[in-house]
Amino acid sequence: MDHGTTQAPPDRPIRLRLNGAEVEVAAPADEKLLYVLRGDFGLKGTRYGCGAGDCGACMVLVDGAPTPACDLPLWAAAGRAVTTVEGVGARAPALVDAFVAAQAAQCGYCASGVIVSAAALLARDPLPDESAVRAALDAHLCRCGAHNRMVRAVLAASRAQADG
């Protein structure tokens, strides 16, 4: 993944906006964002899956765009807005409620990343059709086979938000 530059800046405290709050962390600049979120900030909803940015379990929003945190170095998040599933849950409770109602998370391991990607979709397209939801969730691997329930949950959340 190209993060806009090829060389990490020297280690120094790094500032970012995490779930709406300005924070600073003194971690190595090349530390993966996933480990900083889980270790330094105690945000355990973002999960380690493949470690290569291919499964979606570690998905967070960086400036509103779904981004795998497992291969994003901390320095690439400096000065940017990072939203984890905890932040999404606080801002989009209808989405989380829809996942619960649809029983869309059989084991739940991938659900946090899916919810993050779904929130990004609903932010840019409040009333997506099924094909748009499937495309937005395509980067997520669900070994339990709950993908169809997840799609239905996102569509239900979309309708609930539209109904106010």
C-alpha atoms as a PDB file:
ATOM      1  CA  MET A   1       0.000   0.000   0.000  1.00  0.00           C
ATOM      2  CA  ASP A   2       1.366   3.432  -0.915  1.00  0.00           C
ATOM      3  CA  HIS A   3       1.077   5.877   1.970  1.00  0.00           C
ATOM      4  CA  GLY A   4       2.305   8.895   0.040  1.00  0.00           C
ATOM      5  CA  THR A   5       5.997   8.706   0.852  1.00  0.00           C
ATOM      6  CA  THR A   6       8.644   6.040   0.987  1.00  0.00           C
ATOM      7  CA  GLN A   7      10.515   7.019   4.130  1.00  0.00           C
ATOM      8  CA  ALA A   8       9.234   7.263   7.694  1.00  0.00           C
ATOM      9  CA  PRO A   9       9.965  10.477   9.572  1.00  0.00           C
ATOM     10  CA  PRO A  10      12.145  10.206  12.680  1.00  0.00           C
ATOM     11  CA  ASP A  11      10.431   8.949  15.835  1.00  0.00           C
ATOM     12  CA  ARG A  12       8.685  11.711  17.757  1.00  0.00           C
ATOM     13  CA  PRO A  13       5.246  12.004  19.315  1.00  0.00           C
ATOM     14  CA  ILE A  14       2.637  11.707  16.600  1.00  0.00           C
ATOM     15  CA  ARG A  15      -0.654  13.581  16.710  1.00  0.00           C
ATOM     16  CA  LEU A  16      -3.875  12.457  15.099  1.00  0.00           C
ATOM     17  CA  ARG A  17      -7.630  12.814  15.604  1.00  0.00           C
ATOM     18  CA  LEU A  18      -8.869   9.516  17.018  1.00  0.00           C
ATOM     19  CA  ASN A  19     -12.635   9.011  17.157  1.00  0.00           C
ATOM     20  CA  GLY A  20     -13.056  12.789  17.189  1.00  0.00           C
ATOM     21  CA  ALA A  21     -10.490  13.590  19.902  1.00  0.00           C
ATOM     22  CA  GLU A  22      -7.050  15.073  19.332  1.00  0.00           C
ATOM     23  CA  VAL A  23      -4.481  12.606  20.683  1.00  0.00           C
ATOM     24  CA  GLU A  24      -0.729  12.239  20.768  1.00  0.00           C
ATOM     25  CA  VAL A  25       1.173   8.988  20.974  1.00  0.00           C
ATOM     26  CA  ALA A  26       4.871   8.359  21.570  1.00  0.00           C
ATOM     27  CA  ALA A  27       5.327   5.164  19.578  1.00  0.00           C
ATOM     28  CA  PRO A  28       7.807   4.284  16.854  1.00  0.00           C
ATOM     29  CA  ALA A  29       6.770   6.021  13.636  1.00  0.00           C
ATOM     30  CA  ASP A  30       6.843   2.757  11.714  1.00  0.00           C
ATOM     31  CA  GLU A  31       4.679   0.876  14.254  1.00  0.00           C
ATOM     32  CA  LYS A  32       1.521  -0.389  12.571  1.00  0.00           C
ATOM     33  CA  LEU A  33      -1.561   1.664  13.427  1.00  0.00           C
ATOM     34  CA  LEU A  34      -3.382  -1.509  14.481  1.00  0.00           C
ATOM     35  CA  TYR A  35      -0.935  -2.145  17.334  1.00  0.00           C
ATOM     36  CA  VAL A  36      -1.067   1.489  18.473  1.00  0.00           C
ATOM     37  CA  LEU A  37      -4.876   1.456  18.536  1.00  0.00           C
ATOM     38  CA  ARG A  38      -5.029  -1.782  20.498  1.00  0.00           C
ATOM     39  CA  GLY A  39      -1.978  -1.323  22.746  1.00  0.00           C
ATOM     40  CA  ASP A  40      -1.608   2.392  23.367  1.00  0.00           C
ATOM     41  CA  PHE A  41      -5.289   3.348  23.273  1.00  0.00           C
ATOM     42  CA  GLY A  42      -6.950   0.087  24.389  1.00  0.00           C
ATOM     43  CA  LEU A  43      -9.312   0.057  21.383  1.00  0.00           C
ATOM     44  CA  LYS A  44      -9.754  -3.685  20.961  1.00  0.00           C
ATOM     45  CA  GLY A  45     -12.530  -3.585  18.331  1.00  0.00           C
ATOM     46  CA  THR A  46     -10.002  -3.282  15.524  1.00  0.00           C
ATOM     47  CA  ARG A  47      -8.741  -6.820  15.089  1.00  0.00           C
ATOM     48  CA  TYR A  48      -5.683  -8.508  13.635  1.00  0.00           C
ATOM     49  CA  GLY A  49      -6.597 -10.860  10.810  1.00  0.00           C
ATOM     50  CA  CYS A  50      -4.108 -11.489   8.041  1.00  0.00           C
ATOM     51  CA  GLY A  51      -1.504  -8.793   8.694  1.00  0.00           C
ATOM     52  CA  ALA A  52      -1.388  -7.940   4.995  1.00  0.00           C
ATOM     53  CA  GLY A  53      -4.438  -5.701   4.564  1.00  0.00           C
ATOM     54  CA  ASP A  54      -6.354  -8.391   2.697  1.00  0.00           C
ATOM     55  CA  CYS A  55      -9.069  -9.643   5.077  1.00  0.00           C
ATOM     56  CA  GLY A  56     -10.726  -6.473   6.423  1.00  0.00           C
ATOM     57  CA  ALA A  57     -10.725  -7.423  10.137  1.00  0.00           C
ATOM     58  CA  CYS A  58      -8.558  -4.398  10.961  1.00  0.00           C
ATOM     59  CA  MET A  59     -10.465  -1.841   8.896  1.00  0.00           C
ATOM     60  CA  VAL A  60     -10.595   1.727  10.222  1.00  0.00           C
ATOM     61  CA  LEU A  61     -11.560   4.984   8.579  1.00  0.00           C
ATOM     62  CA  VAL A  62      -8.706   7.346   7.763  1.00  0.00           C
ATOM     63  CA  ASP A  63     -10.118  10.697   6.729  1.00  0.00           C
ATOM     64  CA  GLY A  64     -13.378   8.859   6.051  1.00  0.00           C
ATOM     65  CA  ALA A  65     -11.918   6.169   3.789  1.00  0.00           C
ATOM     66  CA  PRO A  66     -11.831   2.484   4.807  1.00  0.00           C
ATOM     67  CA  THR A  67      -8.186   1.609   5.408  1.00  0.00           C
ATOM     68  CA  PRO A  68      -6.565  -1.564   6.784  1.00  0.00           C
ATOM     69  CA  ALA A  69      -4.763  -0.642  10.010  1.00  0.00           C
ATOM     70  CA  CYS A  70      -2.536  -3.738  10.002  1.00  0.00           C
ATOM     71  CA  ASP A  71      -0.240  -2.435   7.288  1.00  0.00           C
ATOM     72  CA  LEU A  72      -0.573   1.326   7.831  1.00  0.00           C
ATOM     73  CA  PRO A  73       2.439   2.759   9.664  1.00  0.00           C
ATOM     74  CA  LEU A  74       1.627   5.224  12.419  1.00  0.00           C
ATOM     75  CA  TRP A  75       3.456   8.025  10.621  1.00  0.00           C
ATOM     76  CA  ALA A  76       0.991   7.728   7.715  1.00  0.00           C
ATOM     77  CA  ALA A  77      -1.869   8.547  10.111  1.00  0.00           C
ATOM     78  CA  ALA A  78      -0.181  11.656  11.528  1.00  0.00           C
ATOM     79  CA  GLY A  79      -2.460  14.684  11.376  1.00  0.00           C
ATOM     80  CA  ARG A  80      -5.350  12.646   9.993  1.00  0.00           C
ATOM     81  CA  ALA A  81      -8.753  11.636  11.327  1.00  0.00           C
ATOM     82  CA  VAL A  82      -8.855   7.966  12.349  1.00  0.00           C
ATOM     83  CA  THR A  83     -12.171   6.374  13.280  1.00  0.00           C
ATOM     84  CA  THR A  84     -12.361   2.885  14.745  1.00  0.00           C
ATOM     85  CA  VAL A  85     -15.439   0.702  15.203  1.00  0.00           C
ATOM     86  CA  GLU A  86     -15.797   2.223  18.677  1.00  0.00           C
ATOM     87  CA  GLY A  87     -16.115   5.666  17.092  1.00  0.00           C
ATOM     88  CA  VAL A  88     -18.489   4.390  14.410  1.00  0.00           C
ATOM     89  CA  GLY A  89     -20.668   2.738  17.058  1.00  0.00           C
ATOM     90  CA  ALA A  90     -20.979   6.014  18.935  1.00  0.00           C
ATOM     91  CA  ARG A  91     -21.902   7.944  15.769  1.00  0.00           C
ATOM     92  CA  ALA A  92     -23.996   5.338  13.930  1.00  0.00           C
ATOM     93  CA  PRO A  93     -25.920   3.315  16.504  1.00  0.00           C
ATOM     94  CA  ALA A  94     -28.569   2.391  13.896  1.00  0.00           C
ATOM     95  CA  LEU A  95     -25.915   0.461  11.979  1.00  0.00           C
ATOM     96  CA  VAL A  96     -24.808  -1.483  15.045  1.00  0.00           C
ATOM     97  CA  ASP A  97     -28.446  -2.090  16.027  1.00  0.00           C
ATOM     98  CA  ALA A  98     -29.173  -3.430  12.535  1.00  0.00           C
ATOM     99  CA  PHE A  99     -26.272  -5.875  12.800  1.00  0.00           C
ATOM    100  CA  VAL A 100     -27.578  -7.132  16.132  1.00  0.00           C
ATOM    101  CA  ALA A 101     -31.170  -7.404  14.881  1.00  0.00           C
ATOM    102  CA  ALA A 102     -30.086  -9.287  11.743  1.00  0.00           C
ATOM    103  CA  GLN A 103     -27.753 -11.548  13.733  1.00  0.00           C
ATOM    104  CA  ALA A 104     -25.213 -10.515  11.151  1.00  0.00           C
ATOM    105  CA  ALA A 105     -22.141 -11.443  13.158  1.00  0.00           C
ATOM    106  CA  GLN A 106     -22.037 -15.179  13.682  1.00  0.00           C
ATOM    107  CA  CYS A 107     -18.594 -15.343  15.333  1.00  0.00           C
ATOM    108  CA  GLY A 108     -18.125 -11.576  15.231  1.00  0.00           C
ATOM    109  CA  TYR A 109     -14.438 -11.545  14.339  1.00  0.00           C
ATOM    110  CA  CYS A 110     -14.859  -9.700  11.043  1.00  0.00           C
ATOM    111  CA  ALA A 111     -17.874  -7.643  12.117  1.00  0.00           C
ATOM    112  CA  SER A 112     -16.001  -4.597  13.385  1.00  0.00           C
ATOM    113  CA  GLY A 113     -14.220  -4.119  10.058  1.00  0.00           C
ATOM    114  CA  VAL A 114     -17.436  -4.706   8.137  1.00  0.00           C
ATOM    115  CA  ILE A 115     -19.284  -2.144  10.254  1.00  0.00           C
ATOM    116  CA  VAL A 116     -16.520   0.408   9.622  1.00  0.00           C
ATOM    117  CA  SER A 117     -16.731  -0.114   5.845  1.00  0.00           C
ATOM    118  CA  ALA A 118     -20.537  -0.016   5.959  1.00  0.00           C
ATOM    119  CA  ALA A 119     -20.427   3.281   7.847  1.00  0.00           C
ATOM    120  CA  ALA A 120     -18.180   4.764   5.158  1.00  0.00           C
ATOM    121  CA  LEU A 121     -20.601   3.575   2.475  1.00  0.00           C
ATOM    122  CA  LEU A 122     -23.630   5.048   4.256  1.00  0.00           C
ATOM    123  CA  ALA A 123     -21.789   8.341   4.767  1.00  0.00           C
ATOM    124  CA  ARG A 124     -21.244   8.735   1.030  1.00  0.00           C
ATOM    125  CA  ASP A 125     -24.441   6.994  -0.147  1.00  0.00           C
ATOM    126  CA  PRO A 126     -27.222   7.042   2.482  1.00  0.00           C
ATOM    127  CA  LEU A 127     -29.509   4.804   0.392  1.00  0.00           C
ATOM    128  CA  PRO A 128     -27.291   2.289  -1.404  1.00  0.00           C
ATOM    129  CA  ASP A 129     -28.732  -0.604  -3.348  1.00  0.00           C
ATOM    130  CA  GLU A 130     -27.716  -4.195  -2.686  1.00  0.00           C
ATOM    131  CA  SER A 131     -24.977  -4.211  -5.317  1.00  0.00           C
ATOM    132  CA  ALA A 132     -23.371  -1.105  -3.791  1.00  0.00           C
ATOM    133  CA  VAL A 133     -23.415  -2.723  -0.345  1.00  0.00           C
ATOM    134  CA  ARG A 134     -21.880  -5.924  -1.709  1.00  0.00           C
ATOM    135  CA  ALA A 135     -19.164  -3.920  -3.475  1.00  0.00           C
ATOM    136  CA  ALA A 136     -18.381  -1.955  -0.294  1.00  0.00           C
ATOM    137  CA  LEU A 137     -18.074  -5.161   1.728  1.00  0.00           C
ATOM    138  CA  ASP A 138     -16.171  -7.104  -0.926  1.00  0.00           C
ATOM    139  CA  ALA A 139     -12.805  -6.555   0.802  1.00  0.00           C
ATOM    140  CA  HIS A 140     -13.988  -8.427   3.908  1.00  0.00           C
ATOM    141  CA  LEU A 141     -13.528 -12.125   4.469  1.00  0.00           C
ATOM    142  CA  CYS A 142     -16.181 -13.811   6.606  1.00  0.00           C
ATOM    143  CA  ARG A 143     -15.461 -17.454   7.267  1.00  0.00           C
ATOM    144  CA  CYS A 144     -18.788 -17.986   9.047  1.00  0.00           C
ATOM    145  CA  GLY A 145     -20.900 -17.321   5.971  1.00  0.00           C
ATOM    146  CA  ALA A 146     -22.784 -14.385   7.478  1.00  0.00           C
ATOM    147  CA  HIS A 147     -22.129 -12.117   4.494  1.00  0.00           C
ATOM    148  CA  ASN A 148     -25.734 -12.119   3.248  1.00  0.00           C
ATOM    149  CA  ARG A 149     -26.987 -11.179   6.726  1.00  0.00           C
ATOM    150  CA  MET A 150     -24.446  -8.373   6.829  1.00  0.00           C
ATOM    151  CA  VAL A 151     -25.706  -7.023   3.514  1.00  0.00           C
ATOM    152  CA  ARG A 152     -29.291  -7.146   4.803  1.00  0.00           C
ATOM    153  CA  ALA A 153     -28.210  -5.365   8.000  1.00  0.00           C
ATOM    154  CA  VAL A 154     -26.576  -2.522   6.064  1.00  0.00           C
ATOM    155  CA  LEU A 155     -29.677  -2.127   3.902  1.00  0.00           C
ATOM    156  CA  ALA A 156     -31.877  -2.102   7.031  1.00  0.00           C
ATOM    157  CA  ALA A 157     -29.655   0.513   8.676  1.00  0.00           C
ATOM    158  CA  SER A 158     -29.872   2.616   5.530  1.00  0.00           C
ATOM    159  CA  ARG A 159     -33.661   2.494   5.623  1.00  0.00           C
ATOM    160  CA  ALA A 160     -33.737   3.227   9.366  1.00  0.00           C
ATOM    161  CA  GLN A 161     -31.519   6.291   8.905  1.00  0.00           C
ATOM    162  CA  ALA A 162     -33.679   7.502   6.016  1.00  0.00           C
ATOM    163  CA  ASP A 163     -36.829   7.105   8.136  1.00  0.00           C
ATOM    164  CA  GLY A 164     -35.184   9.180  10.856  1.00  0.00           C
END
